[in-house]
């Protein structure tokens, strides 16, 4: 076959076509690309959701740890509350015994022994974090005081604790027993009969 015949048939390429790249038209992929983009977007949203869930779980875990630690500290701090509350009447009776003995003018080994026992109790309460509630001369505070009586007094401003029947006690910042107190009130003005 001659070269001219090949050229007519178009079976042979012209020498100038050898170095050129033919552009092939791709089939339309818009549907597939849109599907892939939608899948990518959905995957990114799921990743973000999982990241948020992870952060929330971490925060929740930290809060749980803090709460458990605080509860443990509070348990250790206030575990003696019931025992201390049961000891308070014993201390009250020892204080009354010392007061009555002094009023009667008694001295001696028995009074000294009771005073020493009372001192040991006070030291033990202090080590446990128990303190007395200030009452006499303070403004009446229903959170720390229990008023058992009111008296008219021109010497005191209204709502001032005048005297104390029974001491109150606190375990750190928690009230174990309120102080039983007498509170002042202003005197009632009496009108003169005409």
C-alpha atoms as a PDB file:
ATOM      1  CA  UNK A   1       0.000   0.000   0.000  1.00  0.00           C
ATOM      2  CA  UNK A   2       1.140   3.387  -0.754  1.00  0.00           C
ATOM      3  CA  UNK A   3       1.322   6.328   1.572  1.00  0.00           C
ATOM      4  CA  UNK A   4      -1.335   8.164  -0.322  1.00  0.00           C
ATOM      5  CA  UNK A   5      -3.801   5.363   0.147  1.00  0.00           C
ATOM      6  CA  UNK A   6      -3.202   5.333   3.891  1.00  0.00           C
ATOM      7  CA  UNK A   7      -3.806   9.015   4.062  1.00  0.00           C
ATOM      8  CA  UNK A   8      -7.076   8.623   2.251  1.00  0.00           C
ATOM      9  CA  UNK A   9      -8.290   5.953   4.598  1.00  0.00           C
ATOM     10  CA  UNK A  10      -7.202   8.005   7.571  1.00  0.00           C
ATOM     11  CA  UNK A  11      -5.599   4.997   9.175  1.00  0.00           C
ATOM     12  CA  UNK A  12      -2.214   6.576   9.414  1.00  0.00           C
ATOM     13  CA  UNK A  13      -1.479   9.648  11.421  1.00  0.00           C
ATOM     14  CA  UNK A  14       0.105  12.654  10.018  1.00  0.00           C
ATOM     15  CA  UNK A  15       3.617  13.265  11.369  1.00  0.00           C
ATOM     16  CA  UNK A  16       2.575  16.612  12.889  1.00  0.00           C
ATOM     17  CA  UNK A  17      -0.015  14.846  15.154  1.00  0.00           C
ATOM     18  CA  UNK A  18       2.578  12.716  16.985  1.00  0.00           C
ATOM     19  CA  UNK A  19       3.464  15.181  19.819  1.00  0.00           C
ATOM     20  CA  UNK A  20      -0.024  16.533  20.458  1.00  0.00           C
ATOM     21  CA  UNK A  21      -2.267  15.203  23.227  1.00  0.00           C
ATOM     22  CA  UNK A  22      -5.818  14.685  22.308  1.00  0.00           C
ATOM     23  CA  UNK A  23      -8.410  16.078  24.680  1.00  0.00           C
ATOM     24  CA  UNK A  24     -10.955  13.520  25.624  1.00  0.00           C
ATOM     25  CA  UNK A  25     -14.282  14.757  26.780  1.00  0.00           C
ATOM     26  CA  UNK A  26     -15.186  13.247  30.155  1.00  0.00           C
ATOM     27  CA  UNK A  27     -18.624  11.931  30.781  1.00  0.00           C
ATOM     28  CA  UNK A  28     -20.697  14.224  32.960  1.00  0.00           C
ATOM     29  CA  UNK A  29     -19.893  13.536  36.681  1.00  0.00           C
ATOM     30  CA  UNK A  30     -21.973  16.241  38.257  1.00  0.00           C
ATOM     31  CA  UNK A  31     -24.257  13.716  39.938  1.00  0.00           C
ATOM     32  CA  UNK A  32     -21.356  11.701  41.366  1.00  0.00           C
ATOM     33  CA  UNK A  33     -19.450  14.819  42.503  1.00  0.00           C
ATOM     34  CA  UNK A  34     -22.551  16.153  44.236  1.00  0.00           C
ATOM     35  CA  UNK A  35     -22.991  12.801  45.966  1.00  0.00           C
ATOM     36  CA  UNK A  36     -19.373  12.819  47.109  1.00  0.00           C
ATOM     37  CA  UNK A  37     -19.623  16.409  48.340  1.00  0.00           C
ATOM     38  CA  UNK A  38     -22.812  15.579  50.254  1.00  0.00           C
ATOM     39  CA  UNK A  39     -21.142  12.506  51.786  1.00  0.00           C
ATOM     40  CA  UNK A  40     -18.094  14.588  52.714  1.00  0.00           C
ATOM     41  CA  UNK A  41     -20.271  17.262  54.307  1.00  0.00           C
ATOM     42  CA  UNK A  42     -22.220  14.616  56.234  1.00  0.00           C
ATOM     43  CA  UNK A  43     -18.981  13.013  57.441  1.00  0.00           C
ATOM     44  CA  UNK A  44     -17.625  16.406  58.551  1.00  0.00           C
ATOM     45  CA  UNK A  45     -20.861  17.089  60.459  1.00  0.00           C
ATOM     46  CA  UNK A  46     -20.628  13.681  62.142  1.00  0.00           C
ATOM     47  CA  UNK A  47     -17.006  14.385  63.093  1.00  0.00           C
ATOM     48  CA  UNK A  48     -18.031  17.735  64.576  1.00  0.00           C
ATOM     49  CA  UNK A  49     -20.911  16.105  66.469  1.00  0.00           C
ATOM     50  CA  UNK A  50     -18.600  13.421  67.829  1.00  0.00           C
ATOM     51  CA  UNK A  51     -16.028  16.074  68.786  1.00  0.00           C
ATOM     52  CA  UNK A  52     -18.725  18.011  70.667  1.00  0.00           C
ATOM     53  CA  UNK A  53     -19.910  14.836  72.410  1.00  0.00           C
ATOM     54  CA  UNK A  54     -16.337  14.012  73.386  1.00  0.00           C
ATOM     55  CA  UNK A  55     -15.774  17.504  74.835  1.00  0.00           C
ATOM     56  CA  UNK A  56     -19.051  17.336  76.739  1.00  0.00           C
ATOM     57  CA  UNK A  57     -18.184  13.912  78.129  1.00  0.00           C
ATOM     58  CA  UNK A  58     -14.760  15.171  79.195  1.00  0.00           C
ATOM     59  CA  UNK A  59     -16.345  18.188  80.906  1.00  0.00           C
ATOM     60  CA  UNK A  60     -18.958  15.978  82.542  1.00  0.00           C
ATOM     61  CA  UNK A  61     -16.224  13.622  83.768  1.00  0.00           C
ATOM     62  CA  UNK A  62     -14.249  16.535  85.234  1.00  0.00           C
ATOM     63  CA  UNK A  63     -17.369  17.872  86.964  1.00  0.00           C
ATOM     64  CA  UNK A  64     -18.095  14.397  88.329  1.00  0.00           C
ATOM     65  CA  UNK A  65     -14.529  14.099  89.660  1.00  0.00           C
ATOM     66  CA  UNK A  66     -14.793  17.521  91.324  1.00  0.00           C
ATOM     67  CA  UNK A  67     -18.174  16.665  92.853  1.00  0.00           C
ATOM     68  CA  UNK A  68     -16.925  13.318  94.174  1.00  0.00           C
ATOM     69  CA  UNK A  69     -13.801  14.964  95.603  1.00  0.00           C
ATOM     70  CA  UNK A  70     -15.916  17.642  97.329  1.00  0.00           C
ATOM     71  CA  UNK A  71     -18.333  15.028  98.701  1.00  0.00           C
ATOM     72  CA  UNK A  72     -15.405  12.987  99.999  1.00  0.00           C
ATOM     73  CA  UNK A  73     -13.867  16.056 101.656  1.00  0.00           C
ATOM     74  CA  UNK A  74     -17.225  17.021 103.173  1.00  0.00           C
ATOM     75  CA  UNK A  75     -17.750  13.480 104.424  1.00  0.00           C
ATOM     76  CA  UNK A  76     -14.348  13.494 106.114  1.00  0.00           C
ATOM     77  CA  UNK A  77     -14.877  17.021 107.409  1.00  0.00           C
ATOM     78  CA  UNK A  78     -18.347  16.435 108.849  1.00  0.00           C
ATOM     79  CA  UNK A  79     -18.179  12.749 109.754  1.00  0.00           C
ATOM     80  CA  UNK A  80     -17.871  13.623 113.460  1.00  0.00           C
ATOM     81  CA  UNK A  81     -21.010  15.766 113.497  1.00  0.00           C
ATOM     82  CA  UNK A  82     -23.326  13.166 115.014  1.00  0.00           C
ATOM     83  CA  UNK A  83     -20.794  12.109 117.664  1.00  0.00           C
ATOM     84  CA  UNK A  84     -20.118  15.724 118.558  1.00  0.00           C
ATOM     85  CA  UNK A  85     -23.835  16.489 118.851  1.00  0.00           C
ATOM     86  CA  UNK A  86     -24.187  13.563 121.270  1.00  0.00           C
ATOM     87  CA  UNK A  87     -21.283  14.845 123.407  1.00  0.00           C
ATOM     88  CA  UNK A  88     -22.683  18.372 123.781  1.00  0.00           C
ATOM     89  CA  UNK A  89     -25.152  17.516 126.593  1.00  0.00           C
ATOM     90  CA  UNK A  90     -22.276  15.928 128.543  1.00  0.00           C
ATOM     91  CA  UNK A  91     -20.271  19.138 128.194  1.00  0.00           C
ATOM     92  CA  UNK A  92     -23.330  21.194 129.207  1.00  0.00           C
ATOM     93  CA  UNK A  93     -23.711  19.121 132.389  1.00  0.00           C
ATOM     94  CA  UNK A  94     -20.020  19.414 133.249  1.00  0.00           C
ATOM     95  CA  UNK A  95     -20.236  23.207 132.823  1.00  0.00           C
ATOM     96  CA  UNK A  96     -23.317  23.319 135.089  1.00  0.00           C
ATOM     97  CA  UNK A  97     -21.542  21.192 137.694  1.00  0.00           C
ATOM     98  CA  UNK A  98     -18.560  23.547 137.749  1.00  0.00           C
ATOM     99  CA  UNK A  99     -20.852  26.607 137.921  1.00  0.00           C
ATOM    100  CA  UNK A 100     -22.906  25.193 140.821  1.00  0.00           C
ATOM    101  CA  UNK A 101     -19.812  24.101 142.707  1.00  0.00           C
ATOM    102  CA  UNK A 102     -18.312  27.582 142.419  1.00  0.00           C
ATOM    103  CA  UNK A 103     -21.609  29.193 143.495  1.00  0.00           C
ATOM    104  CA  UNK A 104     -21.662  26.918 146.548  1.00  0.00           C
ATOM    105  CA  UNK A 105     -18.106  27.957 147.378  1.00  0.00           C
ATOM    106  CA  UNK A 106     -16.706  24.479 146.954  1.00  0.00           C
ATOM    107  CA  UNK A 107     -13.069  23.946 146.150  1.00  0.00           C
ATOM    108  CA  UNK A 108     -11.058  20.822 146.079  1.00  0.00           C
ATOM    109  CA  UNK A 109     -10.004  17.850 144.038  1.00  0.00           C
ATOM    110  CA  UNK A 110     -13.459  17.003 142.704  1.00  0.00           C
ATOM    111  CA  UNK A 111     -14.042  20.489 141.287  1.00  0.00           C
ATOM    112  CA  UNK A 112     -10.523  20.545 139.904  1.00  0.00           C
ATOM    113  CA  UNK A 113     -11.043  17.139 138.255  1.00  0.00           C
ATOM    114  CA  UNK A 114     -14.304  18.224 136.629  1.00  0.00           C
ATOM    115  CA  UNK A 115     -12.651  21.422 135.353  1.00  0.00           C
ATOM    116  CA  UNK A 116      -9.770  19.392 133.892  1.00  0.00           C
ATOM    117  CA  UNK A 117     -12.251  17.045 132.190  1.00  0.00           C
ATOM    118  CA  UNK A 118     -14.097  20.038 130.774  1.00  0.00           C
ATOM    119  CA  UNK A 119     -10.805  21.491 129.482  1.00  0.00           C
ATOM    120  CA  UNK A 120      -9.964  18.182 127.774  1.00  0.00           C
ATOM    121  CA  UNK A 121     -13.398  18.146 126.136  1.00  0.00           C
ATOM    122  CA  UNK A 122     -12.889  21.725 124.896  1.00  0.00           C
ATOM    123  CA  UNK A 123      -9.495  20.786 123.408  1.00  0.00           C
ATOM    124  CA  UNK A 124     -10.984  17.711 121.739  1.00  0.00           C
ATOM    125  CA  UNK A 125     -13.809  19.789 120.216  1.00  0.00           C
ATOM    126  CA  UNK A 126     -11.292  22.316 118.917  1.00  0.00           C
ATOM    127  CA  UNK A 127      -9.278  19.550 117.214  1.00  0.00           C
ATOM    128  CA  UNK A 128     -12.481  18.316 115.574  1.00  0.00           C
ATOM    129  CA  UNK A 129     -13.193  21.816 114.183  1.00  0.00           C
ATOM    130  CA  UNK A 130     -16.025  22.550 116.609  1.00  0.00           C
ATOM    131  CA  UNK A 131     -16.434  26.087 117.934  1.00  0.00           C
ATOM    132  CA  UNK A 132     -19.001  27.833 120.102  1.00  0.00           C
ATOM    133  CA  UNK A 133     -21.546  30.225 118.639  1.00  0.00           C
ATOM    134  CA  UNK A 134     -21.084  33.785 119.878  1.00  0.00           C
ATOM    135  CA  UNK A 135     -24.305  34.957 121.394  1.00  0.00           C
ATOM    136  CA  UNK A 136     -24.324  37.463 124.294  1.00  0.00           C
ATOM    137  CA  UNK A 137     -24.101  41.040 123.031  1.00  0.00           C
ATOM    138  CA  UNK A 138     -24.593  39.998 119.405  1.00  0.00           C
ATOM    139  CA  UNK A 139     -27.546  40.857 117.194  1.00  0.00           C
ATOM    140  CA  UNK A 140     -30.056  37.998 117.168  1.00  0.00           C
ATOM    141  CA  UNK A 141     -29.450  35.737 114.156  1.00  0.00           C
ATOM    142  CA  UNK A 142     -32.117  33.062 113.606  1.00  0.00           C
ATOM    143  CA  UNK A 143     -29.557  31.045 111.633  1.00  0.00           C
ATOM    144  CA  UNK A 144     -27.369  30.639 114.757  1.00  0.00           C
ATOM    145  CA  UNK A 145     -29.612  31.496 117.715  1.00  0.00           C
ATOM    146  CA  UNK A 146     -32.850  30.099 119.075  1.00  0.00           C
ATOM    147  CA  UNK A 147     -34.836  32.689 121.040  1.00  0.00           C
ATOM    148  CA  UNK A 148     -36.500  31.116 124.049  1.00  0.00           C
ATOM    149  CA  UNK A 149     -37.526  34.383 125.667  1.00  0.00           C
ATOM    150  CA  UNK A 150     -37.808  38.110 124.988  1.00  0.00           C
ATOM    151  CA  UNK A 151     -37.374  40.737 127.672  1.00  0.00           C
ATOM    152  CA  UNK A 152     -38.046  44.429 127.604  1.00  0.00           C
ATOM    153  CA  UNK A 153     -34.844  46.370 128.028  1.00  0.00           C
ATOM    154  CA  UNK A 154     -34.099  50.055 127.887  1.00  0.00           C
ATOM    155  CA  UNK A 155     -30.378  49.237 128.305  1.00  0.00           C
ATOM    156  CA  UNK A 156     -30.117  47.293 125.042  1.00  0.00           C
ATOM    157  CA  UNK A 157     -31.111  47.947 121.479  1.00  0.00           C
ATOM    158  CA  UNK A 158     -33.910  45.729 120.108  1.00  0.00           C
ATOM    159  CA  UNK A 159     -32.954  42.208 118.928  1.00  0.00           C
ATOM    160  CA  UNK A 160     -29.745  42.005 120.950  1.00  0.00           C
ATOM    161  CA  UNK A 161     -28.942  38.755 122.775  1.00  0.00           C
ATOM    162  CA  UNK A 162     -29.024  39.613 126.476  1.00  0.00           C
ATOM    163  CA  UNK A 163     -28.220  36.208 127.967  1.00  0.00           C
ATOM    164  CA  UNK A 164     -27.659  32.602 126.981  1.00  0.00           C
ATOM    165  CA  UNK A 165     -29.378  29.511 128.410  1.00  0.00           C
ATOM    166  CA  UNK A 166     -27.391  27.000 126.399  1.00  0.00           C
ATOM    167  CA  UNK A 167     -24.298  27.364 124.195  1.00  0.00           C
ATOM    168  CA  UNK A 168     -24.532  26.819 120.488  1.00  0.00           C
ATOM    169  CA  UNK A 169     -21.895  24.967 118.479  1.00  0.00           C
ATOM    170  CA  UNK A 170     -20.643  24.977 114.890  1.00  0.00           C
ATOM    171  CA  UNK A 171     -18.687  22.281 113.052  1.00  0.00           C
ATOM    172  CA  UNK A 172     -16.589  24.385 110.698  1.00  0.00           C
ATOM    173  CA  UNK A 173     -19.299  26.475 108.976  1.00  0.00           C
ATOM    174  CA  UNK A 174     -22.169  24.070 109.698  1.00  0.00           C
ATOM    175  CA  UNK A 175     -24.421  24.643 112.718  1.00  0.00           C
ATOM    176  CA  UNK A 176     -24.648  21.624 115.023  1.00  0.00           C
ATOM    177  CA  UNK A 177     -26.834  23.234 117.657  1.00  0.00           C
ATOM    178  CA  UNK A 178     -28.170  26.802 117.896  1.00  0.00           C
ATOM    179  CA  UNK A 179     -27.549  28.826 121.036  1.00  0.00           C
ATOM    180  CA  UNK A 180     -30.676  29.133 123.219  1.00  0.00           C
ATOM    181  CA  UNK A 181     -30.872  32.832 124.057  1.00  0.00           C
ATOM    182  CA  UNK A 182     -32.878  35.657 125.598  1.00  0.00           C
ATOM    183  CA  UNK A 183     -33.430  38.567 123.207  1.00  0.00           C
ATOM    184  CA  UNK A 184     -34.132  42.200 124.071  1.00  0.00           C
ATOM    185  CA  UNK A 185     -37.078  44.173 122.829  1.00  0.00           C
ATOM    186  CA  UNK A 186     -37.976  47.836 123.323  1.00  0.00           C
ATOM    187  CA  UNK A 187     -40.026  48.661 126.398  1.00  0.00           C
ATOM    188  CA  UNK A 188     -43.722  49.175 125.832  1.00  0.00           C
ATOM    189  CA  UNK A 189     -44.700  52.787 126.423  1.00  0.00           C
ATOM    190  CA  UNK A 190     -47.551  53.058 128.849  1.00  0.00           C
ATOM    191  CA  UNK A 191     -49.908  55.992 128.533  1.00  0.00           C
ATOM    192  CA  UNK A 192     -50.829  57.764 131.729  1.00  0.00           C
ATOM    193  CA  UNK A 193     -54.493  57.552 132.661  1.00  0.00           C
ATOM    194  CA  UNK A 194     -56.191  60.932 132.430  1.00  0.00           C
END
